Amino acid sequence: MASPADRYEAGKRPMSKLSVRPVDSSDPEVIRSTRRENYRIGGRVLASRDDLEGRWESLPDGICPQVFPVRTGEPDQFLAELEGAGVHDAHTWPRLSEPVRTDPDHETATTLARETVVLPVHQHLGPSSIDAAGESLRR
């Protein structure tokens, strides 16, 4: 029987030309540093909110964040505020399946999924757009 590494290598296929273009024109270090800076700015602009609990104040070296997570007791209200501030890609996380949401054994997971809101930090956001959204979200 082949090892997992051997099966992985055997399953590789050439990347499509459509996929190669954006990969070739992307700089992973620029993406990582931009996302990290957006994460830092997100933390700064939301720091005055006593209704939000940031998950991590700083990131370990090398981490490229997908989102900026916060915990709130009023996720629907916060999501509406975000929408009003022009932040359209925020959502609760993680998105759990129905069997997990309805199983009392997963109480911690369902609580976190209900109360955790994630905000975008992708590399196409500029610091000024995060600051502008933050201005309308400050309390």
C-alpha atoms as a PDB file:
ATOM      1  CA  MET A   1       0.000   0.000   0.000  1.00  0.00           C
ATOM      2  CA  ALA A   2       1.301   3.447  -0.912  1.00  0.00           C
ATOM      3  CA  SER A   3       2.025   5.980   1.812  1.00  0.00           C
ATOM      4  CA  PRO A   4      -0.120   9.121   2.083  1.00  0.00           C
ATOM      5  CA  ALA A   5       2.777  11.163   0.690  1.00  0.00           C
ATOM      6  CA  ASP A   6       3.100   8.814  -2.294  1.00  0.00           C
ATOM      7  CA  ARG A   7      -0.658   8.948  -2.945  1.00  0.00           C
ATOM      8  CA  TYR A   8      -0.531  12.747  -2.737  1.00  0.00           C
ATOM      9  CA  GLU A   9       2.338  12.959  -5.235  1.00  0.00           C
ATOM     10  CA  ALA A  10       0.659  10.464  -7.576  1.00  0.00           C
ATOM     11  CA  GLY A  11      -2.552  12.508  -7.552  1.00  0.00           C
ATOM     12  CA  LYS A  12      -0.938  15.767  -8.649  1.00  0.00           C
ATOM     13  CA  ARG A  13      -1.993  17.187 -11.984  1.00  0.00           C
ATOM     14  CA  PRO A  14      -0.687  20.215 -13.908  1.00  0.00           C
ATOM     15  CA  MET A  15      -2.377  23.463 -12.955  1.00  0.00           C
ATOM     16  CA  SER A  16      -4.782  24.882 -15.522  1.00  0.00           C
ATOM     17  CA  LYS A  17      -3.664  27.891 -17.548  1.00  0.00           C
ATOM     18  CA  LEU A  18      -6.535  29.846 -16.024  1.00  0.00           C
ATOM     19  CA  SER A  19      -5.137  29.175 -12.531  1.00  0.00           C
ATOM     20  CA  VAL A  20      -1.493  29.757 -13.437  1.00  0.00           C
ATOM     21  CA  ARG A  21      -2.000  33.415 -14.402  1.00  0.00           C
ATOM     22  CA  PRO A  22      -3.076  34.785 -11.006  1.00  0.00           C
ATOM     23  CA  VAL A  23      -0.600  32.557  -9.181  1.00  0.00           C
ATOM     24  CA  ASP A  24       2.289  33.739 -11.350  1.00  0.00           C
ATOM     25  CA  SER A  25       1.362  37.385 -10.855  1.00  0.00           C
ATOM     26  CA  SER A  26       0.948  37.126  -7.068  1.00  0.00           C
ATOM     27  CA  ASP A  27       3.630  37.789  -4.485  1.00  0.00           C
ATOM     28  CA  PRO A  28       2.877  35.698  -1.376  1.00  0.00           C
ATOM     29  CA  GLU A  29       5.011  37.923   0.867  1.00  0.00           C
ATOM     30  CA  VAL A  30       3.154  41.063  -0.234  1.00  0.00           C
ATOM     31  CA  ILE A  31      -0.175  39.308   0.308  1.00  0.00           C
ATOM     32  CA  ARG A  32       0.873  38.088   3.761  1.00  0.00           C
ATOM     33  CA  SER A  33       2.223  41.480   4.886  1.00  0.00           C
ATOM     34  CA  THR A  34      -0.850  43.342   3.565  1.00  0.00           C
ATOM     35  CA  ARG A  35      -3.246  40.970   5.310  1.00  0.00           C
ATOM     36  CA  ARG A  36      -1.251  41.231   8.544  1.00  0.00           C
ATOM     37  CA  GLU A  37      -1.357  45.037   8.345  1.00  0.00           C
ATOM     38  CA  ASN A  38      -5.108  44.971   7.658  1.00  0.00           C
ATOM     39  CA  TYR A  39      -5.536  42.664  10.663  1.00  0.00           C
ATOM     40  CA  ARG A  40      -3.580  45.122  12.842  1.00  0.00           C
ATOM     41  CA  ILE A  41      -5.657  48.070  11.590  1.00  0.00           C
ATOM     42  CA  GLY A  42      -8.876  46.123  12.192  1.00  0.00           C
ATOM     43  CA  GLY A  43      -7.846  45.582  15.798  1.00  0.00           C
ATOM     44  CA  ARG A  44      -7.020  49.250  16.221  1.00  0.00           C
ATOM     45  CA  VAL A  45     -10.268  50.604  14.772  1.00  0.00           C
ATOM     46  CA  LEU A  46     -12.404  48.219  16.855  1.00  0.00           C
ATOM     47  CA  ALA A  47     -10.435  48.592  20.107  1.00  0.00           C
ATOM     48  CA  SER A  48     -12.851  51.179  21.519  1.00  0.00           C
ATOM     49  CA  ARG A  49     -15.794  48.792  21.264  1.00  0.00           C
ATOM     50  CA  ASP A  50     -16.525  47.274  24.677  1.00  0.00           C
ATOM     51  CA  ASP A  51     -19.175  45.028  23.114  1.00  0.00           C
ATOM     52  CA  LEU A  52     -16.519  43.157  21.097  1.00  0.00           C
ATOM     53  CA  GLU A  53     -13.859  40.742  22.259  1.00  0.00           C
ATOM     54  CA  GLY A  54     -10.914  40.366  19.913  1.00  0.00           C
ATOM     55  CA  ARG A  55      -9.676  36.814  19.531  1.00  0.00           C
ATOM     56  CA  TRP A  56      -5.963  37.513  19.064  1.00  0.00           C
ATOM     57  CA  GLU A  57      -4.274  40.857  19.595  1.00  0.00           C
ATOM     58  CA  SER A  58      -1.233  39.879  17.567  1.00  0.00           C
ATOM     59  CA  LEU A  59      -0.282  37.134  15.167  1.00  0.00           C
ATOM     60  CA  PRO A  60       2.681  34.769  15.320  1.00  0.00           C
ATOM     61  CA  ASP A  61       5.409  35.452  12.759  1.00  0.00           C
ATOM     62  CA  GLY A  62       4.629  34.100   9.306  1.00  0.00           C
ATOM     63  CA  ILE A  63       0.865  33.768   9.793  1.00  0.00           C
ATOM     64  CA  CYS A  64      -1.277  35.058   6.921  1.00  0.00           C
ATOM     65  CA  PRO A  65      -4.734  35.782   8.372  1.00  0.00           C
ATOM     66  CA  GLN A  66      -7.842  34.866   6.450  1.00  0.00           C
ATOM     67  CA  VAL A  67     -10.126  37.107   8.553  1.00  0.00           C
ATOM     68  CA  PHE A  68     -10.249  39.278  11.687  1.00  0.00           C
ATOM     69  CA  PRO A  69     -12.402  37.422  14.262  1.00  0.00           C
ATOM     70  CA  VAL A  70     -14.307  39.093  17.095  1.00  0.00           C
ATOM     71  CA  ARG A  71     -16.788  37.733  19.585  1.00  0.00           C
ATOM     72  CA  THR A  72     -19.981  39.596  20.400  1.00  0.00           C
ATOM     73  CA  GLY A  73     -23.163  38.903  22.320  1.00  0.00           C
ATOM     74  CA  GLU A  74     -25.159  40.681  19.597  1.00  0.00           C
ATOM     75  CA  PRO A  75     -23.864  39.283  16.288  1.00  0.00           C
ATOM     76  CA  ASP A  76     -26.905  40.280  14.211  1.00  0.00           C
ATOM     77  CA  GLN A  77     -26.718  43.871  15.436  1.00  0.00           C
ATOM     78  CA  PHE A  78     -22.971  44.031  14.778  1.00  0.00           C
ATOM     79  CA  LEU A  79     -23.383  42.518  11.297  1.00  0.00           C
ATOM     80  CA  ALA A  80     -26.019  45.164  10.519  1.00  0.00           C
ATOM     81  CA  GLU A  81     -23.619  47.893  11.717  1.00  0.00           C
ATOM     82  CA  LEU A  82     -20.874  46.445   9.532  1.00  0.00           C
ATOM     83  CA  GLU A  83     -23.176  46.385   6.520  1.00  0.00           C
ATOM     84  CA  GLY A  84     -24.091  50.014   7.180  1.00  0.00           C
ATOM     85  CA  ALA A  85     -20.382  50.873   7.355  1.00  0.00           C
ATOM     86  CA  GLY A  86     -19.760  49.282   3.961  1.00  0.00           C
ATOM     87  CA  VAL A  87     -18.295  46.003   5.220  1.00  0.00           C
ATOM     88  CA  HIS A  88     -20.213  43.487   3.119  1.00  0.00           C
ATOM     89  CA  ASP A  89     -18.159  40.304   3.531  1.00  0.00           C
ATOM     90  CA  ALA A  90     -18.469  39.827   7.307  1.00  0.00           C
ATOM     91  CA  HIS A  91     -20.315  36.782   8.622  1.00  0.00           C
ATOM     92  CA  THR A  92     -20.555  34.494  11.626  1.00  0.00           C
ATOM     93  CA  TRP A  93     -18.073  31.665  11.810  1.00  0.00           C
ATOM     94  CA  PRO A  94     -17.738  28.781  11.676  1.00  0.00           C
ATOM     95  CA  ARG A  95     -20.733  27.803   9.632  1.00  0.00           C
ATOM     96  CA  LEU A  96     -21.895  24.600  11.286  1.00  0.00           C
ATOM     97  CA  SER A  97     -24.006  21.840   9.800  1.00  0.00           C
ATOM     98  CA  GLU A  98     -27.522  21.287  11.143  1.00  0.00           C
ATOM     99  CA  PRO A  99     -26.605  18.064  13.009  1.00  0.00           C
ATOM    100  CA  VAL A 100     -23.850  19.901  14.897  1.00  0.00           C
ATOM    101  CA  ARG A 101     -26.024  22.961  15.654  1.00  0.00           C
ATOM    102  CA  THR A 102     -28.808  20.827  17.127  1.00  0.00           C
ATOM    103  CA  ASP A 103     -26.618  18.426  19.146  1.00  0.00           C
ATOM    104  CA  PRO A 104     -26.245  19.507  22.800  1.00  0.00           C
ATOM    105  CA  ASP A 105     -22.854  17.777  22.903  1.00  0.00           C
ATOM    106  CA  HIS A 106     -21.554  20.598  20.689  1.00  0.00           C
ATOM    107  CA  GLU A 107     -22.629  23.461  22.967  1.00  0.00           C
ATOM    108  CA  THR A 108     -19.226  25.181  22.897  1.00  0.00           C
ATOM    109  CA  ALA A 109     -19.010  24.989  19.102  1.00  0.00           C
ATOM    110  CA  THR A 110     -22.532  26.323  18.628  1.00  0.00           C
ATOM    111  CA  THR A 111     -21.958  29.183  21.087  1.00  0.00           C
ATOM    112  CA  LEU A 112     -18.745  30.202  19.346  1.00  0.00           C
ATOM    113  CA  ALA A 113     -20.364  29.892  15.912  1.00  0.00           C
ATOM    114  CA  ARG A 114     -23.265  32.074  17.022  1.00  0.00           C
ATOM    115  CA  GLU A 115     -21.089  34.759  18.687  1.00  0.00           C
ATOM    116  CA  THR A 116     -18.010  34.902  16.430  1.00  0.00           C
ATOM    117  CA  VAL A 117     -18.095  37.403  13.585  1.00  0.00           C
ATOM    118  CA  VAL A 118     -15.257  37.483  11.070  1.00  0.00           C
ATOM    119  CA  LEU A 119     -14.295  40.590   9.110  1.00  0.00           C
ATOM    120  CA  PRO A 120     -12.337  40.590   5.843  1.00  0.00           C
ATOM    121  CA  VAL A 121      -8.626  41.464   5.843  1.00  0.00           C
ATOM    122  CA  HIS A 122      -7.822  40.434   2.266  1.00  0.00           C
ATOM    123  CA  GLN A 123      -5.061  42.123   0.312  1.00  0.00           C
ATOM    124  CA  HIS A 124      -7.449  44.129  -1.876  1.00  0.00           C
ATOM    125  CA  LEU A 125      -8.557  46.229   1.101  1.00  0.00           C
ATOM    126  CA  GLY A 126      -6.654  49.417   1.678  1.00  0.00           C
ATOM    127  CA  PRO A 127      -5.945  50.905   5.102  1.00  0.00           C
ATOM    128  CA  SER A 128      -8.103  53.931   4.261  1.00  0.00           C
ATOM    129  CA  SER A 129     -11.175  51.761   3.611  1.00  0.00           C
ATOM    130  CA  ILE A 130     -10.700  49.962   6.938  1.00  0.00           C
ATOM    131  CA  ASP A 131     -10.242  53.290   8.736  1.00  0.00           C
ATOM    132  CA  ALA A 132     -13.359  54.704   7.048  1.00  0.00           C
ATOM    133  CA  ALA A 133     -15.456  51.727   8.143  1.00  0.00           C
ATOM    134  CA  GLY A 134     -13.932  51.987  11.604  1.00  0.00           C
ATOM    135  CA  GLU A 135     -14.998  55.630  11.923  1.00  0.00           C
ATOM    136  CA  SER A 136     -18.662  54.696  11.601  1.00  0.00           C
ATOM    137  CA  LEU A 137     -18.237  51.688  13.921  1.00  0.00           C
ATOM    138  CA  ARG A 138     -16.590  53.554  16.818  1.00  0.00           C
ATOM    139  CA  ARG A 139     -18.622  54.042  19.965  1.00  0.00           C
END
